[in-house]
């Protein structure tokens, strides 16, 4: 990419790799929740953790 320095490119590559890893982890957790029959929305999970449950 014109005008982009190599350190920015390496940071971007690292961020994309981390994002791919997190998306894969999320897919695994969602599938596990489906198999266990406990599919919940992310909002419900966040509100439960704030309430201390």
PDB file of N, CA and C in Angstrom:
ATOM      1  N   UNK A   1       0.849  -1.173   0.000  1.00  0.00           N
ATOM      2  CA  UNK A   1       0.000   0.000   0.000  1.00  0.00           C
ATOM      3  C   UNK A   1       0.897   1.240   0.000  1.00  0.00           C
ATOM      4  N   UNK A   2       0.672   2.152  -0.893  1.00  0.00           N
ATOM      5  CA  UNK A   2       1.484   3.358  -0.951  1.00  0.00           C
ATOM      6  C   UNK A   2       1.311   4.203   0.305  1.00  0.00           C
ATOM      7  N   UNK A   3       2.403   4.709   0.820  1.00  0.00           N
ATOM      8  CA  UNK A   3       2.372   5.582   1.982  1.00  0.00           C
ATOM      9  C   UNK A   3       2.292   4.879   3.315  1.00  0.00           C
ATOM     10  N   UNK A   4       2.278   3.574   3.330  1.00  0.00           N
ATOM     11  CA  UNK A   4       2.192   2.815   4.579  1.00  0.00           C
ATOM     12  C   UNK A   4       3.578   2.316   4.950  1.00  0.00           C
ATOM     13  N   UNK A   5       3.952   2.565   6.205  1.00  0.00           N
ATOM     14  CA  UNK A   5       5.283   2.120   6.633  1.00  0.00           C
ATOM     15  C   UNK A   5       5.218   0.657   7.062  1.00  0.00           C
ATOM     16  N   UNK A   6       6.389   0.030   7.035  1.00  0.00           N
ATOM     17  CA  UNK A   6       6.429  -1.412   7.297  1.00  0.00           C
ATOM     18  C   UNK A   6       5.960  -1.771   8.704  1.00  0.00           C
ATOM     19  N   UNK A   7       6.207  -0.905   9.684  1.00  0.00           N
ATOM     20  CA  UNK A   7       5.746  -1.221  11.040  1.00  0.00           C
ATOM     21  C   UNK A   7       4.217  -1.217  11.099  1.00  0.00           C
ATOM     22  N   UNK A   8       3.586  -0.306  10.336  1.00  0.00           N
ATOM     23  CA  UNK A   8       2.126  -0.303  10.273  1.00  0.00           C
ATOM     24  C   UNK A   8       1.618  -1.576   9.608  1.00  0.00           C
ATOM     25  N   UNK A   9       2.291  -2.008   8.572  1.00  0.00           N
ATOM     26  CA  UNK A   9       1.885  -3.227   7.875  1.00  0.00           C
ATOM     27  C   UNK A   9       2.013  -4.444   8.779  1.00  0.00           C
ATOM     28  N   UNK A  10       3.088  -4.502   9.559  1.00  0.00           N
ATOM     29  CA  UNK A  10       3.257  -5.646  10.453  1.00  0.00           C
ATOM     30  C   UNK A  10       2.222  -5.616  11.573  1.00  0.00           C
ATOM     31  N   UNK A  11       1.875  -4.428  12.084  1.00  0.00           N
ATOM     32  CA  UNK A  11       0.826  -4.320  13.091  1.00  0.00           C
ATOM     33  C   UNK A  11      -0.516  -4.750  12.526  1.00  0.00           C
ATOM     34  N   UNK A  12      -0.785  -4.323  11.295  1.00  0.00           N
ATOM     35  CA  UNK A  12      -2.032  -4.688  10.648  1.00  0.00           C
ATOM     36  C   UNK A  12      -2.115  -6.198  10.429  1.00  0.00           C
ATOM     37  N   UNK A  13      -1.031  -6.792  10.014  1.00  0.00           N
ATOM     38  CA  UNK A  13      -1.006  -8.239   9.812  1.00  0.00           C
ATOM     39  C   UNK A  13      -1.228  -8.975  11.134  1.00  0.00           C
ATOM     40  N   UNK A  14      -0.595  -8.482  12.199  1.00  0.00           N
ATOM     41  CA  UNK A  14      -0.761  -9.102  13.512  1.00  0.00           C
ATOM     42  C   UNK A  14      -2.204  -8.955  13.994  1.00  0.00           C
ATOM     43  N   UNK A  15      -2.798  -7.790  13.762  1.00  0.00           N
ATOM     44  CA  UNK A  15      -4.181  -7.560  14.174  1.00  0.00           C
ATOM     45  C   UNK A  15      -5.127  -8.472  13.401  1.00  0.00           C
ATOM     46  N   UNK A  16      -4.892  -8.624  12.099  1.00  0.00           N
ATOM     47  CA  UNK A  16      -5.742  -9.506  11.296  1.00  0.00           C
ATOM     48  C   UNK A  16      -5.620 -10.951  11.750  1.00  0.00           C
ATOM     49  N   UNK A  17      -4.409 -11.364  12.099  1.00  0.00           N
ATOM     50  CA  UNK A  17      -4.198 -12.732  12.576  1.00  0.00           C
ATOM     51  C   UNK A  17      -4.933 -12.948  13.902  1.00  0.00           C
ATOM     52  N   UNK A  18      -4.830 -11.983  14.804  1.00  0.00           N
ATOM     53  CA  UNK A  18      -5.487 -12.084  16.103  1.00  0.00           C
ATOM     54  C   UNK A  18      -7.010 -12.102  15.932  1.00  0.00           C
ATOM     55  N   UNK A  19      -7.511 -11.276  15.032  1.00  0.00           N
ATOM     56  CA  UNK A  19      -8.938 -11.256  14.764  1.00  0.00           C
ATOM     57  C   UNK A  19      -9.417 -12.605  14.246  1.00  0.00           C
ATOM     58  N   UNK A  20      -8.657 -13.202  13.358  1.00  0.00           N
ATOM     59  CA  UNK A  20      -9.020 -14.524  12.832  1.00  0.00           C
ATOM     60  C   UNK A  20      -9.037 -15.559  13.958  1.00  0.00           C
ATOM     61  N   UNK A  21      -8.067 -15.479  14.868  1.00  0.00           N
ATOM     62  CA  UNK A  21      -8.025 -16.402  15.997  1.00  0.00           C
ATOM     63  C   UNK A  21      -9.244 -16.223  16.898  1.00  0.00           C
ATOM     64  N   UNK A  22      -9.587 -14.961  17.183  1.00  0.00           N
ATOM     65  CA  UNK A  22     -10.734 -14.683  18.043  1.00  0.00           C
ATOM     66  C   UNK A  22     -12.041 -15.128  17.391  1.00  0.00           C
ATOM     67  N   UNK A  23     -12.155 -14.929  16.083  1.00  0.00           N
ATOM     68  CA  UNK A  23     -13.352 -15.372  15.382  1.00  0.00           C
ATOM     69  C   UNK A  23     -13.463 -16.891  15.402  1.00  0.00           C
ATOM     70  N   UNK A  24     -12.349 -17.586  15.278  1.00  0.00           N
ATOM     71  CA  UNK A  24     -12.365 -19.047  15.347  1.00  0.00           C
ATOM     72  C   UNK A  24     -12.760 -19.509  16.746  1.00  0.00           C
ATOM     73  N   UNK A  25     -12.218 -18.857  17.780  1.00  0.00           N
ATOM     74  CA  UNK A  25     -12.586 -19.191  19.156  1.00  0.00           C
ATOM     75  C   UNK A  25     -14.071 -18.967  19.391  1.00  0.00           C
ATOM     76  N   UNK A  26     -14.583 -17.845  18.897  1.00  0.00           N
ATOM     77  CA  UNK A  26     -15.997 -17.536  19.063  1.00  0.00           C
ATOM     78  C   UNK A  26     -16.865 -18.585  18.382  1.00  0.00           C
ATOM     79  N   UNK A  27     -16.484 -19.001  17.195  1.00  0.00           N
ATOM     80  CA  UNK A  27     -17.242 -20.025  16.485  1.00  0.00           C
ATOM     81  C   UNK A  27     -17.262 -21.329  17.271  1.00  0.00           C
ATOM     82  N   UNK A  28     -16.150 -21.674  17.871  1.00  0.00           N
ATOM     83  CA  UNK A  28     -16.070 -22.893  18.679  1.00  0.00           C
ATOM     84  C   UNK A  28     -17.002 -22.787  19.885  1.00  0.00           C
ATOM     85  N   UNK A  29     -16.972 -21.650  20.557  1.00  0.00           N
ATOM     86  CA  UNK A  29     -17.815 -21.473  21.743  1.00  0.00           C
ATOM     87  C   UNK A  29     -19.293 -21.457  21.384  1.00  0.00           C
ATOM     88  N   UNK A  30     -19.621 -20.814  20.267  1.00  0.00           N
ATOM     89  CA  UNK A  30     -21.022 -20.802  19.841  1.00  0.00           C
ATOM     90  C   UNK A  30     -21.504 -22.210  19.519  1.00  0.00           C
ATOM     91  N   UNK A  31     -20.672 -22.980  18.842  1.00  0.00           N
ATOM     92  CA  UNK A  31     -21.050 -24.356  18.494  1.00  0.00           C
ATOM     93  C   UNK A  31     -21.207 -25.199  19.757  1.00  0.00           C
ATOM     94  N   UNK A  32     -20.312 -25.023  20.709  1.00  0.00           N
ATOM     95  CA  UNK A  32     -20.407 -25.765  21.965  1.00  0.00           C
ATOM     96  C   UNK A  32     -21.698 -25.400  22.694  1.00  0.00           C
ATOM     97  N   UNK A  33     -22.041 -24.122  22.697  1.00  0.00           N
ATOM     98  CA  UNK A  33     -23.272 -23.688  23.354  1.00  0.00           C
ATOM     99  C   UNK A  33     -24.484 -24.288  22.655  1.00  0.00           C
ATOM    100  N   UNK A  34     -24.453 -24.340  21.330  1.00  0.00           N
ATOM    101  CA  UNK A  34     -25.553 -24.964  20.594  1.00  0.00           C
ATOM    102  C   UNK A  34     -25.701 -26.429  20.977  1.00  0.00           C
ATOM    103  N   UNK A  35     -24.580 -27.118  21.046  1.00  0.00           N
ATOM    104  CA  UNK A  35     -24.622 -28.535  21.379  1.00  0.00           C
ATOM    105  C   UNK A  35     -25.121 -28.764  22.796  1.00  0.00           C
ATOM    106  N   UNK A  36     -24.851 -27.832  23.670  1.00  0.00           N
ATOM    107  CA  UNK A  36     -25.305 -27.959  25.053  1.00  0.00           C
ATOM    108  C   UNK A  36     -26.714 -27.411  25.251  1.00  0.00           C
ATOM    109  N   UNK A  37     -27.267 -26.781  24.220  1.00  0.00           N
ATOM    110  CA  UNK A  37     -28.616 -26.252  24.311  1.00  0.00           C
ATOM    111  C   UNK A  37     -28.722 -24.989  25.118  1.00  0.00           C
ATOM    112  N   UNK A  38     -27.618 -24.258  25.227  1.00  0.00           N
ATOM    113  CA  UNK A  38     -27.625 -23.038  26.031  1.00  0.00           C
ATOM    114  C   UNK A  38     -27.231 -21.829  25.193  1.00  0.00           C
ATOM    115  N   UNK A  39     -27.858 -21.649  24.072  1.00  0.00           N
ATOM    116  CA  UNK A  39     -27.539 -20.520  23.213  1.00  0.00           C
ATOM    117  C   UNK A  39     -28.160 -19.273  23.819  1.00  0.00           C
ATOM    118  N   UNK A  40     -27.301 -18.288  24.111  1.00  0.00           N
ATOM    119  CA  UNK A  40     -27.768 -17.029  24.683  1.00  0.00           C
ATOM    120  C   UNK A  40     -27.192 -15.879  23.883  1.00  0.00           C
ATOM    121  N   UNK A  41     -27.814 -14.726  23.980  1.00  0.00           N
ATOM    122  CA  UNK A  41     -27.299 -13.562  23.272  1.00  0.00           C
ATOM    123  C   UNK A  41     -26.128 -12.973  24.059  1.00  0.00           C
ATOM    124  N   UNK A  42     -25.185 -12.323  23.380  1.00  0.00           N
ATOM    125  CA  UNK A  42     -24.062 -11.689  24.082  1.00  0.00           C
ATOM    126  C   UNK A  42     -24.531 -10.654  25.098  1.00  0.00           C
ATOM    127  N   UNK A  43     -25.629  -9.952  24.821  1.00  0.00           N
ATOM    128  CA  UNK A  43     -26.142  -8.958  25.766  1.00  0.00           C
ATOM    129  C   UNK A  43     -26.569  -9.623  27.064  1.00  0.00           C
ATOM    130  N   UNK A  44     -27.185 -10.765  26.984  1.00  0.00           N
ATOM    131  CA  UNK A  44     -27.623 -11.475  28.182  1.00  0.00           C
ATOM    132  C   UNK A  44     -26.426 -11.902  29.010  1.00  0.00           C
ATOM    133  N   UNK A  45     -25.376 -12.335  28.366  1.00  0.00           N
ATOM    134  CA  UNK A  45     -24.171 -12.764  29.078  1.00  0.00           C
ATOM    135  C   UNK A  45     -23.541 -11.567  29.775  1.00  0.00           C
ATOM    136  N   UNK A  46     -23.440 -10.434  29.064  1.00  0.00           N
ATOM    137  CA  UNK A  46     -22.837  -9.237  29.662  1.00  0.00           C
ATOM    138  C   UNK A  46     -23.644  -8.753  30.860  1.00  0.00           C
ATOM    139  N   UNK A  47     -24.943  -8.729  30.770  1.00  0.00           N
ATOM    140  CA  UNK A  47     -25.756  -8.235  31.884  1.00  0.00           C
ATOM    141  C   UNK A  47     -25.658  -9.164  33.086  1.00  0.00           C
ATOM    142  N   UNK A  48     -25.555 -10.481  32.849  1.00  0.00           N
ATOM    143  CA  UNK A  48     -25.406 -11.411  33.969  1.00  0.00           C
ATOM    144  C   UNK A  48     -24.079 -11.214  34.663  1.00  0.00           C
ATOM    145  N   UNK A  49     -23.006 -10.959  33.932  1.00  0.00           N
ATOM    146  CA  UNK A  49     -21.703 -10.793  34.580  1.00  0.00           C
ATOM    147  C   UNK A  49     -21.649  -9.492  35.349  1.00  0.00           C
ATOM    148  N   UNK A  50     -22.333  -8.448  34.877  1.00  0.00           N
ATOM    149  CA  UNK A  50     -22.367  -7.190  35.613  1.00  0.00           C
ATOM    150  C   UNK A  50     -23.164  -7.330  36.901  1.00  0.00           C
ATOM    151  N   UNK A  51     -24.182  -8.173  36.886  1.00  0.00           N
ATOM    152  CA  UNK A  51     -25.017  -8.361  38.063  1.00  0.00           C
ATOM    153  C   UNK A  51     -24.370  -9.301  39.073  1.00  0.00           C
ATOM    154  N   UNK A  52     -23.248  -9.885  38.715  1.00  0.00           N
ATOM    155  CA  UNK A  52     -22.546 -10.777  39.619  1.00  0.00           C
ATOM    156  C   UNK A  52     -23.064 -12.181  39.638  1.00  0.00           C
ATOM    157  N   UNK A  53     -23.815 -12.560  38.623  1.00  0.00           N
ATOM    158  CA  UNK A  53     -24.352 -13.925  38.581  1.00  0.00           C
ATOM    159  C   UNK A  53     -23.396 -14.863  37.911  1.00  0.00           C
TER     160      UNK A  53
END
